[in-house]
């Protein structure tokens, strides 16, 4: 029986691609909340901006952990 098509490559890349959806949505929610807060009370924009960057950094750290674990587990499968 001949193989018509063979799937080759890393399943870790597919896994990280799916795992990147969550941080993408999270970053969008963080910045949309900041834009809404600034639109409602423009004088509080300087007060809330540090929290935006902290939230962004935490979400991106989780995305970087996802790619790191993807490369670590790629060799074990």
PDB file of N, CA and C in Angstrom:
ATOM      1  N   UNK A   1       0.846  -1.183   0.000  1.00  0.00           N
ATOM      2  CA  UNK A   1       0.000   0.000   0.000  1.00  0.00           C
ATOM      3  C   UNK A   1       0.889   1.243   0.000  1.00  0.00           C
ATOM      4  N   UNK A   2       0.674   2.106  -0.932  1.00  0.00           N
ATOM      5  CA  UNK A   2       1.481   3.317  -1.067  1.00  0.00           C
ATOM      6  C   UNK A   2       0.894   4.446  -0.225  1.00  0.00           C
ATOM      7  N   UNK A   3       1.803   5.258   0.301  1.00  0.00           N
ATOM      8  CA  UNK A   3       1.367   6.454   1.022  1.00  0.00           C
ATOM      9  C   UNK A   3       1.100   7.564   0.020  1.00  0.00           C
ATOM     10  N   UNK A   4      -0.070   8.155   0.114  1.00  0.00           N
ATOM     11  CA  UNK A   4      -0.406   9.260  -0.781  1.00  0.00           C
ATOM     12  C   UNK A   4       0.198  10.556  -0.256  1.00  0.00           C
ATOM     13  N   UNK A   5       0.092  10.757   1.039  1.00  0.00           N
ATOM     14  CA  UNK A   5       0.636  11.976   1.644  1.00  0.00           C
ATOM     15  C   UNK A   5       1.139  11.625   3.028  1.00  0.00           C
ATOM     16  N   UNK A   6       2.233  12.216   3.406  1.00  0.00           N
ATOM     17  CA  UNK A   6       2.789  12.002   4.733  1.00  0.00           C
ATOM     18  C   UNK A   6       2.916  13.353   5.432  1.00  0.00           C
ATOM     19  N   UNK A   7       2.572  13.347   6.687  1.00  0.00           N
ATOM     20  CA  UNK A   7       2.671  14.567   7.472  1.00  0.00           C
ATOM     21  C   UNK A   7       4.021  14.555   8.172  1.00  0.00           C
ATOM     22  N   UNK A   8       4.828  15.545   7.909  1.00  0.00           N
ATOM     23  CA  UNK A   8       6.127  15.665   8.540  1.00  0.00           C
ATOM     24  C   UNK A   8       6.240  17.033   9.186  1.00  0.00           C
ATOM     25  N   UNK A   9       6.996  17.101  10.234  1.00  0.00           N
ATOM     26  CA  UNK A   9       7.198  18.378  10.903  1.00  0.00           C
ATOM     27  C   UNK A   9       7.006  18.223  12.396  1.00  0.00           C
ATOM     28  N   UNK A  10       6.990  19.315  13.062  1.00  0.00           N
ATOM     29  CA  UNK A  10       6.912  19.325  14.513  1.00  0.00           C
ATOM     30  C   UNK A  10       5.483  19.587  14.969  1.00  0.00           C
ATOM     31  N   UNK A  11       4.985  18.727  15.822  1.00  0.00           N
ATOM     32  CA  UNK A  11       3.668  18.977  16.406  1.00  0.00           C
ATOM     33  C   UNK A  11       3.742  20.101  17.433  1.00  0.00           C
ATOM     34  N   UNK A  12       4.951  20.407  17.931  1.00  0.00           N
ATOM     35  CA  UNK A  12       5.108  21.505  18.880  1.00  0.00           C
ATOM     36  C   UNK A  12       4.770  22.842  18.221  1.00  0.00           C
ATOM     37  N   UNK A  13       5.072  22.974  16.935  1.00  0.00           N
ATOM     38  CA  UNK A  13       4.745  24.225  16.236  1.00  0.00           C
ATOM     39  C   UNK A  13       3.237  24.391  16.128  1.00  0.00           C
ATOM     40  N   UNK A  14       2.541  23.314  15.882  1.00  0.00           N
ATOM     41  CA  UNK A  14       1.076  23.380  15.823  1.00  0.00           C
ATOM     42  C   UNK A  14       0.514  23.703  17.202  1.00  0.00           C
ATOM     43  N   UNK A  15       1.097  23.065  18.222  1.00  0.00           N
ATOM     44  CA  UNK A  15       0.644  23.325  19.593  1.00  0.00           C
ATOM     45  C   UNK A  15       0.864  24.759  20.015  1.00  0.00           C
ATOM     46  N   UNK A  16       2.017  25.310  19.674  1.00  0.00           N
ATOM     47  CA  UNK A  16       2.265  26.707  20.039  1.00  0.00           C
ATOM     48  C   UNK A  16       1.374  27.646  19.242  1.00  0.00           C
ATOM     49  N   UNK A  17       1.135  27.305  18.008  1.00  0.00           N
ATOM     50  CA  UNK A  17       0.221  28.136  17.211  1.00  0.00           C
ATOM     51  C   UNK A  17      -1.157  28.207  17.832  1.00  0.00           C
ATOM     52  N   UNK A  18      -1.631  27.081  18.338  1.00  0.00           N
ATOM     53  CA  UNK A  18      -2.925  27.082  19.020  1.00  0.00           C
ATOM     54  C   UNK A  18      -2.842  27.767  20.378  1.00  0.00           C
ATOM     55  N   UNK A  19      -1.706  27.617  21.063  1.00  0.00           N
ATOM     56  CA  UNK A  19      -1.545  28.240  22.378  1.00  0.00           C
ATOM     57  C   UNK A  19      -1.366  29.749  22.277  1.00  0.00           C
ATOM     58  N   UNK A  20      -0.973  30.265  21.134  1.00  0.00           N
ATOM     59  CA  UNK A  20      -0.784  31.711  20.970  1.00  0.00           C
ATOM     60  C   UNK A  20      -2.102  32.447  20.813  1.00  0.00           C
ATOM     61  N   UNK A  21      -3.169  31.716  20.599  1.00  0.00           N
ATOM     62  CA  UNK A  21      -4.484  32.359  20.474  1.00  0.00           C
ATOM     63  C   UNK A  21      -4.885  33.008  21.797  1.00  0.00           C
ATOM     64  N   UNK A  22      -4.643  32.314  22.903  1.00  0.00           N
ATOM     65  CA  UNK A  22      -5.014  32.842  24.223  1.00  0.00           C
ATOM     66  C   UNK A  22      -4.332  34.145  24.567  1.00  0.00           C
ATOM     67  N   UNK A  23      -3.002  34.222  24.492  1.00  0.00           N
ATOM     68  CA  UNK A  23      -2.348  35.500  24.769  1.00  0.00           C
ATOM     69  C   UNK A  23      -2.730  36.606  23.787  1.00  0.00           C
ATOM     70  N   UNK A  24      -3.011  36.237  22.546  1.00  0.00           N
ATOM     71  CA  UNK A  24      -3.458  37.253  21.583  1.00  0.00           C
ATOM     72  C   UNK A  24      -4.778  37.876  22.001  1.00  0.00           C
ATOM     73  N   UNK A  25      -5.685  37.042  22.444  1.00  0.00           N
ATOM     74  CA  UNK A  25      -6.974  37.548  22.929  1.00  0.00           C
ATOM     75  C   UNK A  25      -6.777  38.345  24.211  1.00  0.00           C
ATOM     76  N   UNK A  26      -5.897  37.858  25.093  1.00  0.00           N
ATOM     77  CA  UNK A  26      -5.659  38.547  26.360  1.00  0.00           C
ATOM     78  C   UNK A  26      -5.077  39.937  26.173  1.00  0.00           C
ATOM     79  N   UNK A  27      -4.121  40.071  25.273  1.00  0.00           N
ATOM     80  CA  UNK A  27      -3.525  41.387  25.001  1.00  0.00           C
ATOM     81  C   UNK A  27      -4.584  42.326  24.429  1.00  0.00           C
ATOM     82  N   UNK A  28      -5.404  41.801  23.551  1.00  0.00           N
ATOM     83  CA  UNK A  28      -6.482  42.623  22.995  1.00  0.00           C
ATOM     84  C   UNK A  28      -7.446  43.098  24.063  1.00  0.00           C
ATOM     85  N   UNK A  29      -7.777  42.235  25.010  1.00  0.00           N
ATOM     86  CA  UNK A  29      -8.687  42.631  26.093  1.00  0.00           C
ATOM     87  C   UNK A  29      -8.059  43.667  27.020  1.00  0.00           C
ATOM     88  N   UNK A  30      -6.770  43.519  27.304  1.00  0.00           N
ATOM     89  CA  UNK A  30      -6.094  44.479  28.184  1.00  0.00           C
ATOM     90  C   UNK A  30      -6.098  45.869  27.565  1.00  0.00           C
ATOM     91  N   UNK A  31      -5.714  45.957  26.295  1.00  0.00           N
ATOM     92  CA  UNK A  31      -5.643  47.273  25.664  1.00  0.00           C
ATOM     93  C   UNK A  31      -7.028  47.846  25.364  1.00  0.00           C
ATOM     94  N   UNK A  32      -8.004  47.000  25.092  1.00  0.00           N
ATOM     95  CA  UNK A  32      -9.355  47.527  24.866  1.00  0.00           C
ATOM     96  C   UNK A  32      -9.935  48.073  26.170  1.00  0.00           C
ATOM     97  N   UNK A  33      -9.622  47.409  27.291  1.00  0.00           N
ATOM     98  CA  UNK A  33     -10.090  47.928  28.579  1.00  0.00           C
ATOM     99  C   UNK A  33      -9.430  49.268  28.897  1.00  0.00           C
ATOM    100  N   UNK A  34      -8.155  49.407  28.550  1.00  0.00           N
ATOM    101  CA  UNK A  34      -7.470  50.688  28.785  1.00  0.00           C
ATOM    102  C   UNK A  34      -8.059  51.798  27.917  1.00  0.00           C
ATOM    103  N   UNK A  35      -8.347  51.475  26.688  1.00  0.00           N
ATOM    104  CA  UNK A  35      -8.935  52.483  25.794  1.00  0.00           C
ATOM    105  C   UNK A  35     -10.305  52.904  26.289  1.00  0.00           C
ATOM    106  N   UNK A  36     -11.102  51.953  26.749  1.00  0.00           N
ATOM    107  CA  UNK A  36     -12.426  52.293  27.277  1.00  0.00           C
ATOM    108  C   UNK A  36     -12.318  53.122  28.545  1.00  0.00           C
ATOM    109  N   UNK A  37     -11.383  52.765  29.427  1.00  0.00           N
ATOM    110  CA  UNK A  37     -11.214  53.528  30.664  1.00  0.00           C
ATOM    111  C   UNK A  37     -10.749  54.948  30.377  1.00  0.00           C
ATOM    112  N   UNK A  38      -9.858  55.096  29.403  1.00  0.00           N
ATOM    113  CA  UNK A  38      -9.371  56.425  29.040  1.00  0.00           C
ATOM    114  C   UNK A  38     -10.460  57.244  28.360  1.00  0.00           C
ATOM    115  N   UNK A  39     -11.301  56.590  27.588  1.00  0.00           N
ATOM    116  CA  UNK A  39     -12.387  57.315  26.932  1.00  0.00           C
ATOM    117  C   UNK A  39     -13.425  57.789  27.945  1.00  0.00           C
ATOM    118  N   UNK A  40     -13.635  57.014  28.990  1.00  0.00           N
ATOM    119  CA  UNK A  40     -14.622  57.417  30.006  1.00  0.00           C
ATOM    120  C   UNK A  40     -14.082  58.488  30.941  1.00  0.00           C
ATOM    121  N   UNK A  41     -12.808  58.333  31.347  1.00  0.00           N
ATOM    122  CA  UNK A  41     -12.185  59.315  32.233  1.00  0.00           C
ATOM    123  C   UNK A  41     -10.777  59.625  31.743  1.00  0.00           C
ATOM    124  N   UNK A  42     -10.640  60.602  30.858  1.00  0.00           N
ATOM    125  CA  UNK A  42      -9.317  60.900  30.286  1.00  0.00           C
ATOM    126  C   UNK A  42      -8.268  61.317  31.316  1.00  0.00           C
ATOM    127  N   UNK A  43      -8.694  61.871  32.422  1.00  0.00           N
ATOM    128  CA  UNK A  43      -7.721  62.326  33.419  1.00  0.00           C
ATOM    129  C   UNK A  43      -7.059  61.153  34.155  1.00  0.00           C
ATOM    130  N   UNK A  44      -7.608  59.958  34.057  1.00  0.00           N
ATOM    131  CA  UNK A  44      -7.025  58.810  34.754  1.00  0.00           C
ATOM    132  C   UNK A  44      -6.100  57.984  33.860  1.00  0.00           C
ATOM    133  N   UNK A  45      -5.774  58.488  32.688  1.00  0.00           N
ATOM    134  CA  UNK A  45      -4.966  57.700  31.758  1.00  0.00           C
ATOM    135  C   UNK A  45      -3.554  57.452  32.293  1.00  0.00           C
ATOM    136  N   UNK A  46      -2.959  58.455  32.930  1.00  0.00           N
ATOM    137  CA  UNK A  46      -1.612  58.268  33.479  1.00  0.00           C
ATOM    138  C   UNK A  46      -1.631  57.339  34.688  1.00  0.00           C
ATOM    139  N   UNK A  47      -2.751  57.273  35.380  1.00  0.00           N
ATOM    140  CA  UNK A  47      -2.854  56.410  36.548  1.00  0.00           C
ATOM    141  C   UNK A  47      -3.001  54.945  36.161  1.00  0.00           C
ATOM    142  N   UNK A  48      -3.687  54.671  35.077  1.00  0.00           N
ATOM    143  CA  UNK A  48      -3.946  53.291  34.686  1.00  0.00           C
ATOM    144  C   UNK A  48      -2.919  52.719  33.711  1.00  0.00           C
ATOM    145  N   UNK A  49      -2.090  53.543  33.115  1.00  0.00           N
ATOM    146  CA  UNK A  49      -1.118  53.058  32.132  1.00  0.00           C
ATOM    147  C   UNK A  49      -0.104  52.052  32.694  1.00  0.00           C
ATOM    148  N   UNK A  50       0.420  52.230  33.906  1.00  0.00           N
ATOM    149  CA  UNK A  50       1.343  51.203  34.428  1.00  0.00           C
ATOM    150  C   UNK A  50       0.684  49.829  34.558  1.00  0.00           C
ATOM    151  N   UNK A  51      -0.584  49.799  34.900  1.00  0.00           N
ATOM    152  CA  UNK A  51      -1.281  48.521  35.020  1.00  0.00           C
ATOM    153  C   UNK A  51      -1.458  47.852  33.667  1.00  0.00           C
ATOM    154  N   UNK A  52      -1.579  48.652  32.632  1.00  0.00           N
ATOM    155  CA  UNK A  52      -1.672  48.100  31.278  1.00  0.00           C
ATOM    156  C   UNK A  52      -0.374  47.378  30.926  1.00  0.00           C
ATOM    157  N   UNK A  53       0.755  48.005  31.202  1.00  0.00           N
ATOM    158  CA  UNK A  53       2.035  47.398  30.848  1.00  0.00           C
ATOM    159  C   UNK A  53       2.341  46.176  31.704  1.00  0.00           C
ATOM    160  N   UNK A  54       1.912  46.190  32.968  1.00  0.00           N
ATOM    161  CA  UNK A  54       2.103  45.012  33.816  1.00  0.00           C
ATOM    162  C   UNK A  54       1.267  43.851  33.284  1.00  0.00           C
ATOM    163  N   UNK A  55       0.022  44.121  32.934  1.00  0.00           N
ATOM    164  CA  UNK A  55      -0.834  43.079  32.370  1.00  0.00           C
ATOM    165  C   UNK A  55      -0.294  42.546  31.058  1.00  0.00           C
ATOM    166  N   UNK A  56       0.186  43.444  30.210  1.00  0.00           N
ATOM    167  CA  UNK A  56       0.770  43.042  28.930  1.00  0.00           C
ATOM    168  C   UNK A  56       1.991  42.155  29.145  1.00  0.00           C
ATOM    169  N   UNK A  57       2.847  42.524  30.100  1.00  0.00           N
ATOM    170  CA  UNK A  57       4.063  41.752  30.355  1.00  0.00           C
ATOM    171  C   UNK A  57       3.736  40.362  30.888  1.00  0.00           C
ATOM    172  N   UNK A  58       2.754  40.257  31.758  1.00  0.00           N
ATOM    173  CA  UNK A  58       2.377  38.951  32.302  1.00  0.00           C
ATOM    174  C   UNK A  58       1.818  38.052  31.207  1.00  0.00           C
ATOM    175  N   UNK A  59       0.982  38.598  30.368  1.00  0.00           N
ATOM    176  CA  UNK A  59       0.386  37.809  29.287  1.00  0.00           C
ATOM    177  C   UNK A  59       1.458  37.359  28.300  1.00  0.00           C
ATOM    178  N   UNK A  60       2.369  38.244  27.951  1.00  0.00           N
ATOM    179  CA  UNK A  60       3.430  37.870  27.015  1.00  0.00           C
ATOM    180  C   UNK A  60       4.406  36.880  27.640  1.00  0.00           C
ATOM    181  N   UNK A  61       4.611  36.953  28.945  1.00  0.00           N
ATOM    182  CA  UNK A  61       5.466  35.962  29.605  1.00  0.00           C
ATOM    183  C   UNK A  61       4.843  34.575  29.495  1.00  0.00           C
ATOM    184  N   UNK A  62       3.526  34.494  29.608  1.00  0.00           N
ATOM    185  CA  UNK A  62       2.861  33.202  29.451  1.00  0.00           C
ATOM    186  C   UNK A  62       3.006  32.686  28.028  1.00  0.00           C
ATOM    187  N   UNK A  63       2.973  33.568  27.050  1.00  0.00           N
ATOM    188  CA  UNK A  63       3.163  33.144  25.664  1.00  0.00           C
ATOM    189  C   UNK A  63       4.585  32.644  25.441  1.00  0.00           C
ATOM    190  N   UNK A  64       5.569  33.309  26.044  1.00  0.00           N
ATOM    191  CA  UNK A  64       6.954  32.854  25.917  1.00  0.00           C
ATOM    192  C   UNK A  64       7.176  31.518  26.617  1.00  0.00           C
ATOM    193  N   UNK A  65       6.493  31.313  27.743  1.00  0.00           N
ATOM    194  CA  UNK A  65       6.568  30.007  28.392  1.00  0.00           C
ATOM    195  C   UNK A  65       5.976  28.929  27.492  1.00  0.00           C
ATOM    196  N   UNK A  66       4.927  29.264  26.782  1.00  0.00           N
ATOM    197  CA  UNK A  66       4.314  28.304  25.862  1.00  0.00           C
ATOM    198  C   UNK A  66       5.269  27.886  24.763  1.00  0.00           C
ATOM    199  N   UNK A  67       5.997  28.819  24.195  1.00  0.00           N
ATOM    200  CA  UNK A  67       6.938  28.450  23.128  1.00  0.00           C
ATOM    201  C   UNK A  67       8.134  27.699  23.711  1.00  0.00           C
ATOM    202  N   UNK A  68       8.561  28.041  24.922  1.00  0.00           N
ATOM    203  CA  UNK A  68       9.675  27.326  25.535  1.00  0.00           C
ATOM    204  C   UNK A  68       9.295  25.866  25.809  1.00  0.00           C
ATOM    205  N   UNK A  69       8.115  25.653  26.366  1.00  0.00           N
ATOM    206  CA  UNK A  69       7.671  24.287  26.629  1.00  0.00           C
ATOM    207  C   UNK A  69       7.441  23.518  25.357  1.00  0.00           C
ATOM    208  N   UNK A  70       7.037  24.202  24.325  1.00  0.00           N
ATOM    209  CA  UNK A  70       6.872  23.541  23.039  1.00  0.00           C
ATOM    210  C   UNK A  70       8.183  22.987  22.504  1.00  0.00           C
ATOM    211  N   UNK A  71       9.248  23.760  22.639  1.00  0.00           N
ATOM    212  CA  UNK A  71      10.556  23.284  22.190  1.00  0.00           C
ATOM    213  C   UNK A  71      11.118  22.204  23.108  1.00  0.00           C
ATOM    214  N   UNK A  72      10.822  22.302  24.406  1.00  0.00           N
ATOM    215  CA  UNK A  72      11.316  21.296  25.339  1.00  0.00           C
ATOM    216  C   UNK A  72      10.651  19.957  25.079  1.00  0.00           C
ATOM    217  N   UNK A  73       9.329  19.964  24.893  1.00  0.00           N
ATOM    218  CA  UNK A  73       8.600  18.713  24.727  1.00  0.00           C
ATOM    219  C   UNK A  73       8.679  18.175  23.296  1.00  0.00           C
ATOM    220  N   UNK A  74       9.214  18.960  22.383  1.00  0.00           N
ATOM    221  CA  UNK A  74       9.309  18.492  20.991  1.00  0.00           C
ATOM    222  C   UNK A  74      10.251  17.312  20.852  1.00  0.00           C
ATOM    223  N   UNK A  75      11.280  17.258  21.655  1.00  0.00           N
ATOM    224  CA  UNK A  75      12.237  16.170  21.564  1.00  0.00           C
ATOM    225  C   UNK A  75      11.783  14.899  22.256  1.00  0.00           C
ATOM    226  N   UNK A  76      10.795  15.018  23.146  1.00  0.00           N
ATOM    227  CA  UNK A  76      10.359  13.857  23.911  1.00  0.00           C
ATOM    228  C   UNK A  76       9.263  13.058  23.252  1.00  0.00           C
ATOM    229  N   UNK A  77       8.642  13.579  22.240  1.00  0.00           N
ATOM    230  CA  UNK A  77       7.503  12.894  21.646  1.00  0.00           C
ATOM    231  C   UNK A  77       7.946  11.868  20.635  1.00  0.00           C
TER     232      UNK A  77
END
